[in-house]
């Protein structure tokens, strides 16, 4: 939520879709890594955090907590309202 508030941008999901607050997945990943403890060697840490980030993103999308999409070749993520279909 903090990264969304601090670094999020308001963009439409589709050319004629609703405008939502979304964040570049690069910034989201950096915040996730900073908040994820790791005790392995540097290379293992990077790989472990990357795997955790991908799994967390996939889980949140599967649970329909977030939407994921690309706008102008930039991957973004945004919060959704569970139980509502996206346009």
N, C-alpha and C. Protein backbone atom coordinates (compact mmCIF):
# COMPACT_ATOMS: atom_id res chain seq x y z
N UNK A 1 0.82 -1.19 0.00
CA UNK A 1 0.00 0.00 0.00
C UNK A 1 0.87 1.26 0.00
N UNK A 2 1.96 1.21 0.74
CA UNK A 2 2.83 2.38 0.81
C UNK A 2 3.44 2.72 -0.53
N UNK A 3 3.93 1.72 -1.22
CA UNK A 3 4.56 1.96 -2.53
C UNK A 3 3.52 2.46 -3.52
N UNK A 4 2.30 1.98 -3.42
CA UNK A 4 1.22 2.43 -4.30
C UNK A 4 0.92 3.90 -4.04
N UNK A 5 0.88 4.28 -2.78
CA UNK A 5 0.61 5.68 -2.43
C UNK A 5 1.77 6.59 -2.81
N UNK A 6 3.00 6.14 -2.54
CA UNK A 6 4.18 6.98 -2.78
C UNK A 6 4.58 7.08 -4.25
N UNK A 7 4.53 5.95 -4.97
CA UNK A 7 5.06 5.93 -6.33
C UNK A 7 4.02 5.55 -7.39
N UNK A 8 2.78 5.40 -6.97
CA UNK A 8 1.73 5.02 -7.91
C UNK A 8 1.37 6.15 -8.85
N UNK A 9 0.78 5.77 -9.98
CA UNK A 9 0.29 6.73 -10.97
C UNK A 9 -1.14 6.35 -11.31
N UNK A 10 -1.92 7.32 -11.69
CA UNK A 10 -3.30 7.08 -12.08
C UNK A 10 -3.35 6.93 -13.61
N UNK A 11 -3.68 5.71 -14.04
CA UNK A 11 -3.75 5.40 -15.47
C UNK A 11 -4.98 4.56 -15.75
N UNK A 12 -5.48 4.62 -17.00
CA UNK A 12 -6.60 3.75 -17.36
C UNK A 12 -6.10 2.32 -17.57
N UNK A 13 -6.92 1.35 -17.16
CA UNK A 13 -6.55 -0.06 -17.35
C UNK A 13 -6.50 -0.40 -18.83
N UNK A 14 -7.43 0.13 -19.59
CA UNK A 14 -7.48 -0.05 -21.04
C UNK A 14 -7.72 1.32 -21.66
N UNK A 15 -7.56 1.45 -22.98
CA UNK A 15 -7.75 2.77 -23.59
C UNK A 15 -9.06 3.46 -23.18
N UNK A 16 -10.13 2.72 -23.05
CA UNK A 16 -11.39 3.33 -22.64
C UNK A 16 -11.87 2.76 -21.30
N UNK A 17 -10.94 2.20 -20.54
CA UNK A 17 -11.27 1.58 -19.25
C UNK A 17 -11.19 2.55 -18.10
N UNK A 18 -11.52 2.07 -16.91
CA UNK A 18 -11.47 2.94 -15.73
C UNK A 18 -10.04 3.31 -15.35
N UNK A 19 -9.88 4.47 -14.75
CA UNK A 19 -8.58 4.93 -14.27
C UNK A 19 -8.39 4.38 -12.86
N UNK A 20 -7.24 3.77 -12.62
CA UNK A 20 -6.93 3.22 -11.30
C UNK A 20 -5.53 3.64 -10.90
N UNK A 21 -5.25 3.57 -9.62
CA UNK A 21 -3.91 3.85 -9.09
C UNK A 21 -3.10 2.59 -9.26
N UNK A 22 -1.98 2.67 -9.97
CA UNK A 22 -1.15 1.50 -10.21
C UNK A 22 0.31 1.86 -10.00
N UNK A 23 1.13 0.82 -9.87
CA UNK A 23 2.55 1.02 -9.62
C UNK A 23 3.35 0.14 -10.57
N UNK A 24 4.46 0.69 -11.04
CA UNK A 24 5.39 -0.04 -11.88
C UNK A 24 5.89 -1.26 -11.10
N UNK A 25 5.88 -2.42 -11.74
CA UNK A 25 6.29 -3.63 -11.03
C UNK A 25 7.75 -3.59 -10.59
N UNK A 26 8.58 -2.79 -11.24
CA UNK A 26 9.98 -2.63 -10.79
C UNK A 26 10.04 -2.03 -9.39
N UNK A 27 9.25 -0.99 -9.17
CA UNK A 27 9.20 -0.34 -7.86
C UNK A 27 8.58 -1.28 -6.83
N UNK A 28 7.56 -2.01 -7.25
CA UNK A 28 6.92 -2.96 -6.36
C UNK A 28 7.89 -4.06 -5.94
N UNK A 29 8.66 -4.56 -6.90
CA UNK A 29 9.65 -5.61 -6.62
C UNK A 29 10.72 -5.09 -5.66
N UNK A 30 11.20 -3.87 -5.87
CA UNK A 30 12.23 -3.30 -4.99
C UNK A 30 11.72 -3.18 -3.56
N UNK A 31 10.46 -2.76 -3.40
CA UNK A 31 9.88 -2.65 -2.06
C UNK A 31 9.71 -4.04 -1.43
N UNK A 32 9.31 -5.01 -2.23
CA UNK A 32 9.15 -6.38 -1.74
C UNK A 32 10.49 -6.93 -1.27
N UNK A 33 11.53 -6.74 -2.08
CA UNK A 33 12.86 -7.23 -1.72
C UNK A 33 13.34 -6.59 -0.41
N UNK A 34 13.10 -5.29 -0.27
CA UNK A 34 13.55 -4.59 0.93
C UNK A 34 12.85 -5.10 2.19
N UNK A 35 11.63 -5.60 2.02
CA UNK A 35 10.86 -6.07 3.17
C UNK A 35 10.97 -7.58 3.39
N UNK A 36 11.74 -8.26 2.53
CA UNK A 36 11.84 -9.71 2.61
C UNK A 36 13.20 -10.09 3.20
N UNK A 37 13.22 -10.64 4.40
CA UNK A 37 14.50 -11.04 4.99
C UNK A 37 15.11 -12.22 4.24
N UNK A 38 16.43 -12.22 4.16
CA UNK A 38 17.13 -13.32 3.52
C UNK A 38 18.48 -13.50 4.21
N UNK A 39 18.86 -14.75 4.39
CA UNK A 39 20.11 -15.02 5.09
C UNK A 39 21.10 -15.81 4.25
N UNK A 40 20.75 -16.11 3.01
CA UNK A 40 21.65 -16.88 2.17
C UNK A 40 22.74 -15.99 1.57
N UNK A 41 23.62 -16.59 0.79
CA UNK A 41 24.65 -15.83 0.07
C UNK A 41 23.96 -14.90 -0.93
N UNK A 42 24.65 -13.89 -1.40
CA UNK A 42 24.07 -12.85 -2.26
C UNK A 42 23.33 -13.42 -3.46
N UNK A 43 23.91 -14.33 -4.21
CA UNK A 43 23.26 -14.88 -5.40
C UNK A 43 22.01 -15.67 -5.01
N UNK A 44 22.11 -16.46 -3.96
CA UNK A 44 20.96 -17.24 -3.50
C UNK A 44 19.86 -16.31 -2.99
N UNK A 45 20.26 -15.23 -2.33
CA UNK A 45 19.30 -14.27 -1.82
C UNK A 45 18.50 -13.67 -2.97
N UNK A 46 19.19 -13.24 -4.02
CA UNK A 46 18.51 -12.64 -5.18
C UNK A 46 17.53 -13.62 -5.79
N UNK A 47 17.99 -14.86 -5.98
CA UNK A 47 17.13 -15.88 -6.57
C UNK A 47 15.95 -16.22 -5.67
N UNK A 48 16.19 -16.32 -4.37
CA UNK A 48 15.12 -16.64 -3.43
C UNK A 48 14.09 -15.52 -3.39
N UNK A 49 14.54 -14.28 -3.34
CA UNK A 49 13.61 -13.16 -3.30
C UNK A 49 12.82 -13.06 -4.60
N UNK A 50 13.48 -13.31 -5.72
CA UNK A 50 12.79 -13.27 -7.02
C UNK A 50 11.69 -14.33 -7.06
N UNK A 51 12.01 -15.53 -6.60
CA UNK A 51 11.02 -16.61 -6.58
C UNK A 51 9.86 -16.25 -5.64
N UNK A 52 10.17 -15.69 -4.48
CA UNK A 52 9.12 -15.29 -3.53
C UNK A 52 8.23 -14.19 -4.13
N UNK A 53 8.85 -13.23 -4.80
CA UNK A 53 8.10 -12.14 -5.41
C UNK A 53 7.16 -12.67 -6.48
N UNK A 54 7.67 -13.52 -7.36
CA UNK A 54 6.84 -14.09 -8.42
C UNK A 54 5.68 -14.90 -7.84
N UNK A 55 5.96 -15.67 -6.80
CA UNK A 55 4.91 -16.48 -6.17
C UNK A 55 3.86 -15.58 -5.50
N UNK A 56 4.29 -14.53 -4.82
CA UNK A 56 3.36 -13.62 -4.16
C UNK A 56 2.49 -12.89 -5.18
N UNK A 57 3.10 -12.46 -6.28
CA UNK A 57 2.36 -11.78 -7.34
C UNK A 57 1.34 -12.72 -7.97
N UNK A 58 1.76 -13.94 -8.26
CA UNK A 58 0.86 -14.93 -8.86
C UNK A 58 -0.30 -15.26 -7.92
N UNK A 59 0.00 -15.41 -6.63
CA UNK A 59 -1.05 -15.71 -5.65
C UNK A 59 -2.05 -14.57 -5.57
N UNK A 60 -1.55 -13.34 -5.46
CA UNK A 60 -2.44 -12.18 -5.34
C UNK A 60 -3.30 -12.02 -6.59
N UNK A 61 -2.73 -12.29 -7.75
CA UNK A 61 -3.52 -12.20 -8.97
C UNK A 61 -4.55 -13.32 -9.03
N UNK A 62 -4.18 -14.53 -8.65
CA UNK A 62 -5.11 -15.66 -8.65
C UNK A 62 -6.26 -15.42 -7.68
N UNK A 63 -5.98 -14.77 -6.56
CA UNK A 63 -7.01 -14.45 -5.57
C UNK A 63 -7.81 -13.20 -5.96
N UNK A 64 -7.45 -12.61 -7.08
CA UNK A 64 -8.11 -11.42 -7.63
C UNK A 64 -7.98 -10.22 -6.69
N UNK A 65 -6.84 -10.15 -6.00
CA UNK A 65 -6.55 -9.02 -5.13
C UNK A 65 -5.86 -7.90 -5.90
N UNK A 66 -5.15 -8.29 -6.95
CA UNK A 66 -4.45 -7.32 -7.80
C UNK A 66 -4.74 -7.62 -9.26
N UNK A 67 -4.57 -6.59 -10.06
CA UNK A 67 -4.58 -6.74 -11.50
C UNK A 67 -3.17 -6.52 -11.99
N UNK A 68 -2.83 -7.16 -13.08
CA UNK A 68 -1.49 -7.00 -13.66
C UNK A 68 -1.67 -6.74 -15.14
N UNK A 69 -0.93 -5.77 -15.64
CA UNK A 69 -1.02 -5.46 -17.06
C UNK A 69 0.15 -4.63 -17.50
N UNK A 70 0.23 -4.43 -18.80
CA UNK A 70 1.33 -3.66 -19.38
C UNK A 70 0.75 -2.46 -20.11
N UNK A 71 1.31 -1.29 -19.83
CA UNK A 71 0.90 -0.06 -20.49
C UNK A 71 2.16 0.60 -21.03
N UNK A 72 2.17 0.83 -22.33
CA UNK A 72 3.35 1.41 -22.99
C UNK A 72 4.62 0.62 -22.67
N UNK A 73 4.50 -0.70 -22.70
CA UNK A 73 5.61 -1.63 -22.47
C UNK A 73 6.15 -1.61 -21.04
N UNK A 74 5.40 -1.06 -20.10
CA UNK A 74 5.79 -1.03 -18.69
C UNK A 74 4.80 -1.92 -17.93
N UNK A 75 5.31 -2.95 -17.21
CA UNK A 75 4.40 -3.80 -16.44
C UNK A 75 3.96 -3.10 -15.15
N UNK A 76 2.66 -3.09 -14.92
CA UNK A 76 2.07 -2.44 -13.74
C UNK A 76 1.26 -3.45 -12.94
N UNK A 77 1.03 -3.10 -11.67
CA UNK A 77 0.12 -3.85 -10.81
C UNK A 77 -0.76 -2.83 -10.10
N UNK A 78 -2.02 -3.23 -9.84
CA UNK A 78 -2.95 -2.36 -9.14
C UNK A 78 -3.87 -3.21 -8.28
N UNK A 79 -4.42 -2.58 -7.27
CA UNK A 79 -5.36 -3.27 -6.38
C UNK A 79 -6.70 -3.40 -7.09
N UNK A 80 -7.38 -4.50 -6.82
CA UNK A 80 -8.72 -4.70 -7.35
C UNK A 80 -9.68 -4.85 -6.18
N UNK A 81 -10.93 -4.88 -6.49
CA UNK A 81 -11.94 -5.13 -5.46
C UNK A 81 -12.38 -6.58 -5.61
N UNK A 82 -12.02 -7.43 -4.65
CA UNK A 82 -12.41 -8.83 -4.75
C UNK A 82 -13.90 -8.98 -4.98
N UNK A 83 -14.23 -9.87 -5.90
CA UNK A 83 -15.63 -10.11 -6.20
C UNK A 83 -16.15 -9.30 -7.37
N UNK A 84 -15.38 -8.32 -7.83
CA UNK A 84 -15.79 -7.52 -8.98
C UNK A 84 -14.95 -7.92 -10.17
N UNK A 85 -15.57 -8.05 -11.33
CA UNK A 85 -14.84 -8.35 -12.56
C UNK A 85 -14.19 -7.08 -13.09
N UNK A 86 -12.98 -7.25 -13.65
CA UNK A 86 -12.30 -6.11 -14.27
C UNK A 86 -12.80 -5.97 -15.69
N UNK A 87 -12.81 -4.74 -16.20
CA UNK A 87 -13.21 -4.50 -17.59
C UNK A 87 -12.03 -4.65 -18.50
